[in-house]
PDB file of N, CA and C in Angstrom:
ATOM      1  N   GLN A   1       7.399   3.362  30.746  1.00  0.00           N
ATOM      2  CA  GLN A   1       7.221   4.252  31.776  1.00  0.00           C
ATOM      3  C   GLN A   1       6.668   3.349  33.021  1.00  0.00           C
ATOM      4  N   ALA A   2       6.686   4.047  34.283  1.00  0.00           N
ATOM      5  CA  ALA A   2       6.271   3.219  35.345  1.00  0.00           C
ATOM      6  C   ALA A   2       5.204   4.169  35.920  1.00  0.00           C
ATOM      7  N   ARG A   3       4.337   3.683  36.734  1.00  0.00           N
ATOM      8  CA  ARG A   3       3.384   4.491  37.498  1.00  0.00           C
ATOM      9  C   ARG A   3       3.783   4.486  38.944  1.00  0.00           C
ATOM     10  N   ARG A   4       3.607   5.446  39.755  1.00  0.00           N
ATOM     11  CA  ARG A   4       3.878   5.602  41.115  1.00  0.00           C
ATOM     12  C   ARG A   4       2.784   5.127  42.014  1.00  0.00           C
ATOM     13  N   ARG A   5       3.251   4.402  42.992  1.00  0.00           N
ATOM     14  CA  ARG A   5       2.366   3.956  43.882  1.00  0.00           C
ATOM     15  C   ARG A   5       2.777   4.401  45.528  1.00  0.00           C
ATOM     16  N   PRO A   6       1.931   4.565  46.313  1.00  0.00           N
ATOM     17  CA  PRO A   6       2.427   4.665  47.533  1.00  0.00           C
ATOM     18  C   PRO A   6       3.148   3.509  48.185  1.00  0.00           C
ATOM     19  N   GLY A   7       4.453   3.904  48.829  1.00  0.00           N
ATOM     20  CA  GLY A   7       5.342   3.037  49.474  1.00  0.00           C
ATOM     21  C   GLY A   7       5.177   2.908  51.094  1.00  0.00           C
ATOM     22  N   VAL A   8       6.213   2.273  51.621  1.00  0.00           N
ATOM     23  CA  VAL A   8       6.266   2.356  53.011  1.00  0.00           C
ATOM     24  C   VAL A   8       7.075   3.589  53.481  1.00  0.00           C
ATOM     25  N   GLN A   9       6.463   4.015  54.672  1.00  0.00           N
ATOM     26  CA  GLN A   9       6.769   5.333  55.241  1.00  0.00           C
ATOM     27  C   GLN A   9       6.918   6.502  54.359  1.00  0.00           C
ATOM     28  N   GLY A  10       5.785   6.378  53.431  1.00  0.00           N
ATOM     29  CA  GLY A  10       5.541   7.983  52.772  1.00  0.00           C
ATOM     30  C   GLY A  10       6.406   7.997  51.246  1.00  0.00           C
ATOM     31  N   LYS A  11       7.410   6.990  51.335  1.00  0.00           N
ATOM     32  CA  LYS A  11       8.129   6.869  49.999  1.00  0.00           C
ATOM     33  C   LYS A  11       7.334   6.330  49.048  1.00  0.00           C
ATOM     34  N   THR A  12       7.537   6.821  47.675  1.00  0.00           N
ATOM     35  CA  THR A  12       6.843   6.148  46.458  1.00  0.00           C
ATOM     36  C   THR A  12       7.959   5.045  45.909  1.00  0.00           C
ATOM     37  N   GLN A  13       7.162   4.028  45.308  1.00  0.00           N
ATOM     38  CA  GLN A  13       7.856   3.075  44.478  1.00  0.00           C
ATOM     39  C   GLN A  13       7.152   3.279  42.993  1.00  0.00           C
ATOM     40  N   GLU A  14       7.981   2.703  42.016  1.00  0.00           N
ATOM     41  CA  GLU A  14       7.607   2.536  40.819  1.00  0.00           C
ATOM     42  C   GLU A  14       6.883   1.042  40.732  1.00  0.00           C
ATOM     43  N   TRP A  15       5.619   1.427  39.908  1.00  0.00           N
ATOM     44  CA  TRP A  15       4.942   0.280  39.257  1.00  0.00           C
ATOM     45  C   TRP A  15       5.502  -0.049  37.967  1.00  0.00           C
ATOM     46  N   PRO A  16       5.825  -1.296  37.688  1.00  0.00           N
ATOM     47  CA  PRO A  16       6.490  -1.759  36.406  1.00  0.00           C
ATOM     48  C   PRO A  16       5.299  -1.655  35.408  1.00  0.00           C
ATOM     49  N   LEU A  17       5.501  -1.291  34.114  1.00  0.00           N
ATOM     50  CA  LEU A  17       4.514  -1.227  33.034  1.00  0.00           C
ATOM     51  C   LEU A  17       3.961  -2.507  33.172  1.00  0.00           C
ATOM     52  N   TRP A  18       4.242  -3.785  33.133  1.00  0.00           N
ATOM     53  CA  TRP A  18       3.657  -5.005  32.746  1.00  0.00           C
ATOM     54  C   TRP A  18       2.642  -5.239  34.014  1.00  0.00           C
ATOM     55  N   ALA A  19       2.725  -4.078  35.015  1.00  0.00           N
ATOM     56  CA  ALA A  19       1.881  -4.530  36.046  1.00  0.00           C
ATOM     57  C   ALA A  19       0.378  -4.029  35.613  1.00  0.00           C
ATOM     58  N   PHE A  20       0.279  -3.368  34.331  1.00  0.00           N
ATOM     59  CA  PHE A  20      -1.057  -3.058  33.899  1.00  0.00           C
ATOM     60  C   PHE A  20      -1.287  -3.925  32.493  1.00  0.00           C
ATOM     61  N   PRO A  21      -1.881  -4.955  32.659  1.00  0.00           N
ATOM     62  CA  PRO A  21      -2.063  -5.806  31.492  1.00  0.00           C
ATOM     63  C   PRO A  21      -2.822  -5.010  30.513  1.00  0.00           C
ATOM     64  N   GLN A  22      -3.891  -4.231  30.796  1.00  0.00           N
ATOM     65  CA  GLN A  22      -4.670  -3.651  29.824  1.00  0.00           C
ATOM     66  C   GLN A  22      -3.814  -2.620  29.010  1.00  0.00           C
ATOM     67  N   VAL A  23      -2.954  -2.117  29.530  1.00  0.00           N
ATOM     68  CA  VAL A  23      -2.067  -1.181  28.823  1.00  0.00           C
ATOM     69  C   VAL A  23      -1.277  -2.000  27.688  1.00  0.00           C
ATOM     70  N   LEU A  24      -0.792  -3.225  28.112  1.00  0.00           N
ATOM     71  CA  LEU A  24       0.002  -3.965  27.111  1.00  0.00           C
ATOM     72  C   LEU A  24      -0.854  -4.487  26.052  1.00  0.00           C
ATOM     73  N   ASP A  25      -2.048  -5.042  26.393  1.00  0.00           N
ATOM     74  CA  ASP A  25      -2.903  -5.485  25.506  1.00  0.00           C
ATOM     75  C   ASP A  25      -3.383  -4.413  24.446  1.00  0.00           C
ATOM     76  N   ALA A  26      -3.505  -3.185  25.035  1.00  0.00           N
ATOM     77  CA  ALA A  26      -3.923  -2.153  24.095  1.00  0.00           C
ATOM     78  C   ALA A  26      -2.647  -1.917  23.143  1.00  0.00           C
ATOM     79  N   PHE A  27      -1.611  -1.606  23.686  1.00  0.00           N
ATOM     80  CA  PHE A  27      -0.427  -1.475  22.883  1.00  0.00           C
ATOM     81  C   PHE A  27      -0.194  -2.617  21.750  1.00  0.00           C
ATOM     82  N   PHE A  28      -0.239  -3.584  22.205  1.00  0.00           N
ATOM     83  CA  PHE A  28      -0.089  -4.918  21.115  1.00  0.00           C
ATOM     84  C   PHE A  28      -1.335  -4.932  20.219  1.00  0.00           C
ATOM     85  N   LEU A  29      -2.439  -4.635  20.378  1.00  0.00           N
ATOM     86  CA  LEU A  29      -3.424  -4.725  19.651  1.00  0.00           C
ATOM     87  C   LEU A  29      -3.327  -3.550  18.774  1.00  0.00           C
ATOM     88  N   GLY A  30      -2.942  -2.402  19.189  1.00  0.00           N
ATOM     89  CA  GLY A  30      -2.782  -1.331  18.288  1.00  0.00           C
ATOM     90  C   GLY A  30      -1.754  -1.474  17.280  1.00  0.00           C
ATOM     91  N   LYS A  31      -0.617  -2.317  17.679  1.00  0.00           N
ATOM     92  CA  LYS A  31       0.529  -2.341  16.972  1.00  0.00           C
ATOM     93  C   LYS A  31       0.018  -3.467  15.951  1.00  0.00           C
ATOM     94  N   GLY A  32      -0.721  -4.388  16.467  1.00  0.00           N
ATOM     95  CA  GLY A  32      -1.086  -5.542  15.331  1.00  0.00           C
ATOM     96  C   GLY A  32      -2.098  -4.944  14.085  1.00  0.00           C
ATOM     97  N   PHE A  33      -2.815  -4.063  14.635  1.00  0.00           N
ATOM     98  CA  PHE A  33      -3.705  -3.308  13.792  1.00  0.00           C
ATOM     99  C   PHE A  33      -2.966  -2.507  12.798  1.00  0.00           C
ATOM    100  N   ALA A  34      -1.976  -1.661  13.411  1.00  0.00           N
ATOM    101  CA  ALA A  34      -1.264  -0.742  12.194  1.00  0.00           C
ATOM    102  C   ALA A  34      -0.515  -1.638  11.410  1.00  0.00           C
ATOM    103  N   GLN A  35       0.212  -2.793  11.912  1.00  0.00           N
ATOM    104  CA  GLN A  35       0.968  -3.693  10.836  1.00  0.00           C
ATOM    105  C   GLN A  35       0.029  -4.142   9.772  1.00  0.00           C
ATOM    106  N   ALA A  36      -1.140  -4.532  10.098  1.00  0.00           N
ATOM    107  CA  ALA A  36      -2.152  -5.507   9.392  1.00  0.00           C
ATOM    108  C   ALA A  36      -2.594  -4.317   8.419  1.00  0.00           C
ATOM    109  N   LEU A  37      -2.806  -3.195   8.885  1.00  0.00           N
ATOM    110  CA  LEU A  37      -3.288  -2.061   7.946  1.00  0.00           C
ATOM    111  C   LEU A  37      -2.374  -1.513   6.932  1.00  0.00           C
ATOM    112  N   ASN A  38      -1.032  -1.404   7.530  1.00  0.00           N
ATOM    113  CA  ASN A  38       0.119  -1.038   6.678  1.00  0.00           C
ATOM    114  C   ASN A  38       0.291  -2.147   5.473  1.00  0.00           C
ATOM    115  N   GLU A  39       0.149  -3.252   5.750  1.00  0.00           N
ATOM    116  CA  GLU A  39       0.303  -4.406   4.745  1.00  0.00           C
ATOM    117  C   GLU A  39      -0.829  -4.445   3.767  1.00  0.00           C
ATOM    118  N   ARG A  40      -1.942  -4.287   4.366  1.00  0.00           N
ATOM    119  CA  ARG A  40      -3.089  -4.358   3.275  1.00  0.00           C
ATOM    120  C   ARG A  40      -3.123  -3.031   2.356  1.00  0.00           C
ATOM    121  N   VAL A  41      -2.924  -1.845   3.017  1.00  0.00           N
ATOM    122  CA  VAL A  41      -2.684  -0.582   2.134  1.00  0.00           C
ATOM    123  C   VAL A  41      -1.517  -0.780   1.193  1.00  0.00           C
ATOM    124  N   GLY A  42      -0.478  -1.279   1.591  1.00  0.00           N
ATOM    125  CA  GLY A  42       0.802  -1.528   0.705  1.00  0.00           C
ATOM    126  C   GLY A  42       0.355  -2.449  -0.415  1.00  0.00           C
ATOM    127  N   ASN A  43      -0.411  -3.577   0.002  1.00  0.00           N
ATOM    128  CA  ASN A  43      -0.856  -4.568  -1.105  1.00  0.00           C
ATOM    129  C   ASN A  43      -1.748  -3.877  -2.019  1.00  0.00           C
ATOM    130  N   ALA A  44      -2.664  -3.074  -1.686  1.00  0.00           N
ATOM    131  CA  ALA A  44      -3.705  -2.468  -2.307  1.00  0.00           C
ATOM    132  C   ALA A  44      -2.983  -1.347  -3.309  1.00  0.00           C
ATOM    133  N   ILE A  45      -1.992  -0.735  -2.947  1.00  0.00           N
ATOM    134  CA  ILE A  45      -1.251   0.414  -3.716  1.00  0.00           C
ATOM    135  C   ILE A  45      -0.554  -0.361  -4.893  1.00  0.00           C
ATOM    136  N   ALA A  46       0.096  -1.594  -4.382  1.00  0.00           N
ATOM    137  CA  ALA A  46       1.018  -2.196  -5.430  1.00  0.00           C
ATOM    138  C   ALA A  46       0.207  -3.005  -6.550  1.00  0.00           C
ATOM    139  N   ASP A  47      -1.174  -3.313  -6.050  1.00  0.00           N
ATOM    140  CA  ASP A  47      -2.008  -3.891  -6.910  1.00  0.00           C
ATOM    141  C   ASP A  47      -2.759  -2.679  -8.004  1.00  0.00           C
ATOM    142  N   LEU A  48      -2.928  -1.733  -7.370  1.00  0.00           N
ATOM    143  CA  LEU A  48      -3.347  -0.292  -8.235  1.00  0.00           C
ATOM    144  C   LEU A  48      -2.248   0.031  -9.191  1.00  0.00           C
ATOM    145  N   LEU A  49      -1.019   0.090  -8.715  1.00  0.00           N
ATOM    146  CA  LEU A  49       0.074   0.458  -9.767  1.00  0.00           C
ATOM    147  C   LEU A  49       0.130  -0.623 -10.748  1.00  0.00           C
ATOM    148  N   SER A  50       0.193  -1.802 -10.567  1.00  0.00           N
ATOM    149  CA  SER A  50       0.065  -2.968 -11.479  1.00  0.00           C
ATOM    150  C   SER A  50      -0.913  -2.863 -12.550  1.00  0.00           C
ATOM    151  N   GLU A  51      -2.073  -2.599 -11.915  1.00  0.00           N
ATOM    152  CA  GLU A  51      -3.083  -2.324 -12.988  1.00  0.00           C
ATOM    153  C   GLU A  51      -3.023  -1.305 -13.957  1.00  0.00           C
ATOM    154  N   LEU A  52      -2.721  -0.144 -13.312  1.00  0.00           N
ATOM    155  CA  LEU A  52      -2.154   0.973 -13.939  1.00  0.00           C
ATOM    156  C   LEU A  52      -1.264   0.691 -15.061  1.00  0.00           C
ATOM    157  N   ASN A  53      -0.228   0.062 -14.814  1.00  0.00           N
ATOM    158  CA  ASN A  53       0.754  -0.273 -15.703  1.00  0.00           C
ATOM    159  C   ASN A  53       0.379  -1.013 -16.880  1.00  0.00           C
ATOM    160  N   LYS A  54      -0.320  -2.191 -16.354  1.00  0.00           N
ATOM    161  CA  LYS A  54      -0.976  -2.978 -17.466  1.00  0.00           C
ATOM    162  C   LYS A  54      -1.951  -2.332 -18.410  1.00  0.00           C
ATOM    163  N   PHE A  55      -2.810  -1.408 -17.978  1.00  0.00           N
ATOM    164  CA  PHE A  55      -3.579  -0.605 -18.700  1.00  0.00           C
ATOM    165  C   PHE A  55      -2.698   0.392 -19.717  1.00  0.00           C
ATOM    166  N   ASP A  56      -1.778   0.841 -19.282  1.00  0.00           N
ATOM    167  CA  ASP A  56      -0.877   1.854 -19.899  1.00  0.00           C
ATOM    168  C   ASP A  56      -0.279   1.105 -21.267  1.00  0.00           C
ATOM    169  N   ALA A  57       0.174  -0.220 -20.535  1.00  0.00           N
ATOM    170  CA  ALA A  57       0.734  -0.945 -21.766  1.00  0.00           C
ATOM    171  C   ALA A  57      -0.217  -1.473 -22.901  1.00  0.00           C
ATOM    172  N   GLU A  58      -1.334  -1.855 -22.386  1.00  0.00           N
ATOM    173  CA  GLU A  58      -2.385  -2.226 -23.388  1.00  0.00           C
ATOM    174  C   GLU A  58      -2.724  -1.122 -24.291  1.00  0.00           C
ATOM    175  N   ARG A  59      -2.803   0.216 -23.485  1.00  0.00           N
ATOM    176  CA  ARG A  59      -3.122   1.213 -24.530  1.00  0.00           C
ATOM    177  C   ARG A  59      -2.144   1.720 -25.387  1.00  0.00           C
ATOM    178  N   ARG A  60      -0.730   1.491 -25.130  1.00  0.00           N
ATOM    179  CA  ARG A  60       0.321   1.661 -26.152  1.00  0.00           C
ATOM    180  C   ARG A  60       0.172   0.748 -27.189  1.00  0.00           C
ATOM    181  N   TYR A  61      -0.108  -0.588 -26.686  1.00  0.00           N
ATOM    182  CA  TYR A  61      -0.014  -1.780 -27.728  1.00  0.00           C
ATOM    183  C   TYR A  61      -1.344  -1.258 -28.771  1.00  0.00           C
ATOM    184  N   GLU A  62      -2.498  -1.208 -28.326  1.00  0.00           N
ATOM    185  CA  GLU A  62      -3.533  -0.822 -29.199  1.00  0.00           C
ATOM    186  C   GLU A  62      -3.288   0.492 -29.959  1.00  0.00           C
ATOM    187  N   ALA A  63      -2.665   1.553 -29.420  1.00  0.00           N
ATOM    188  CA  ALA A  63      -2.391   2.649 -30.151  1.00  0.00           C
ATOM    189  C   ALA A  63      -1.215   2.215 -31.526  1.00  0.00           C
ATOM    190  N   ARG A  64      -0.342   1.403 -31.107  1.00  0.00           N
ATOM    191  CA  ARG A  64       0.718   1.046 -32.108  1.00  0.00           C
ATOM    192  C   ARG A  64       0.001   0.227 -33.219  1.00  0.00           C
ATOM    193  N   LYS A  65      -0.970  -0.768 -32.759  1.00  0.00           N
ATOM    194  CA  LYS A  65      -1.609  -1.552 -33.885  1.00  0.00           C
ATOM    195  C   LYS A  65      -2.516  -0.582 -34.677  1.00  0.00           C
ATOM    196  N   PHE A  66      -3.169   0.333 -34.119  1.00  0.00           N
ATOM    197  CA  PHE A  66      -3.893   1.500 -35.047  1.00  0.00           C
ATOM    198  C   PHE A  66      -2.861   2.134 -35.872  1.00  0.00           C
ATOM    199  N   GLU A  67      -1.794   2.601 -35.413  1.00  0.00           N
ATOM    200  CA  GLU A  67      -0.959   3.300 -36.261  1.00  0.00           C
ATOM    201  C   GLU A  67      -0.326   2.309 -37.415  1.00  0.00           C
ATOM    202  N   GLU A  68      -0.202   1.169 -37.194  1.00  0.00           N
ATOM    203  CA  GLU A  68       0.237   0.167 -38.268  1.00  0.00           C
ATOM    204  C   GLU A  68      -0.900   0.060 -39.285  1.00  0.00           C
ATOM    205  N   GLU A  69      -2.127  -0.060 -38.707  1.00  0.00           N
ATOM    206  CA  GLU A  69      -3.309  -0.188 -39.646  1.00  0.00           C
ATOM    207  C   GLU A  69      -3.385   1.122 -40.559  1.00  0.00           C
ATOM    208  N   VAL A  70      -3.290   2.295 -40.049  1.00  0.00           N
ATOM    209  CA  VAL A  70      -3.394   3.280 -40.602  1.00  0.00           C
ATOM    210  C   VAL A  70      -2.323   3.509 -41.821  1.00  0.00           C
ATOM    211  N   ARG A  71      -1.216   3.200 -41.470  1.00  0.00           N
ATOM    212  CA  ARG A  71      -0.041   3.162 -42.238  1.00  0.00           C
ATOM    213  C   ARG A  71      -0.053   2.112 -43.497  1.00  0.00           C
ATOM    214  N   GLU A  72      -0.567   0.887 -43.210  1.00  0.00           N
ATOM    215  CA  GLU A  72      -0.932  -0.111 -44.240  1.00  0.00           C
ATOM    216  C   GLU A  72      -2.011   0.547 -45.161  1.00  0.00           C
ATOM    217  N   ARG A  73      -3.056   1.086 -44.686  1.00  0.00           N
ATOM    218  CA  ARG A  73      -3.997   1.474 -45.566  1.00  0.00           C
ATOM    219  C   ARG A  73      -3.478   2.602 -46.433  1.00  0.00           C
ATOM    220  N   ALA A  74      -2.986   3.453 -46.117  1.00  0.00           N
ATOM    221  CA  ALA A  74      -2.192   4.754 -46.433  1.00  0.00           C
ATOM    222  C   ALA A  74      -1.296   3.985 -47.688  1.00  0.00           C
ATOM    223  N   ARG A  75      -0.573   3.105 -47.400  1.00  0.00           N
ATOM    224  CA  ARG A  75       0.302   2.360 -48.531  1.00  0.00           C
ATOM    225  C   ARG A  75      -0.395   1.764 -49.377  1.00  0.00           C
ATOM    226  N   THR A  76      -1.345   1.129 -49.136  1.00  0.00           N
ATOM    227  CA  THR A  76      -2.308   0.183 -49.968  1.00  0.00           C
ATOM    228  C   THR A  76      -2.915   1.347 -50.843  1.00  0.00           C
ATOM    229  N   GLU A  77      -3.449   2.382 -50.400  1.00  0.00           N
ATOM    230  CA  GLU A  77      -4.269   3.587 -51.434  1.00  0.00           C
ATOM    231  C   GLU A  77      -3.179   4.046 -52.168  1.00  0.00           C
ATOM    232  N   LEU A  78      -1.890   4.398 -51.715  1.00  0.00           N
ATOM    233  CA  LEU A  78      -0.614   4.842 -52.480  1.00  0.00           C
ATOM    234  C   LEU A  78      -0.701   4.037 -53.710  1.00  0.00           C
ATOM    235  N   ILE A  79      -0.178   2.691 -53.406  1.00  0.00           N
ATOM    236  CA  ILE A  79      -0.051   1.627 -54.382  1.00  0.00           C
ATOM    237  C   ILE A  79      -0.958   1.623 -55.504  1.00  0.00           C
ATOM    238  N   LYS A  80      -2.378   1.878 -55.068  1.00  0.00           N
ATOM    239  CA  LYS A  80      -3.676   1.563 -55.955  1.00  0.00           C
ATOM    240  C   LYS A  80      -3.660   2.967 -56.830  1.00  0.00           C
ATOM    241  N   SER A  81      -3.193   4.056 -56.382  1.00  0.00           N
ATOM    242  CA  SER A  81      -3.232   5.057 -57.152  1.00  0.00           C
ATOM    243  C   SER A  81      -2.074   5.397 -58.083  1.00  0.00           C
ATOM    244  N   ALA A  82      -1.048   4.420 -58.183  1.00  0.00           N
ATOM    245  CA  ALA A  82       0.100   4.634 -58.823  1.00  0.00           C
ATOM    246  C   ALA A  82       0.025   4.219 -60.184  1.00  0.00           C
TER     247      ALA A  82
END
């Protein structure tokens, strides 16, 4: 978008957007902020999901080991009682 400025003989001329460096500075600062924030949030979510998957895998492993231990004890007791 451009801004209007008074011209010669009452006509208006357009100011190009680059004539307002503060606007461009603010735009690119906001864009850089959004990109950096998006990257950090994305990385944090990926890390969180990775940790959740790791926790779930460890929990399943421990449950399987516990089940194996219970079955082994049951089998041992069954053999002893025979």
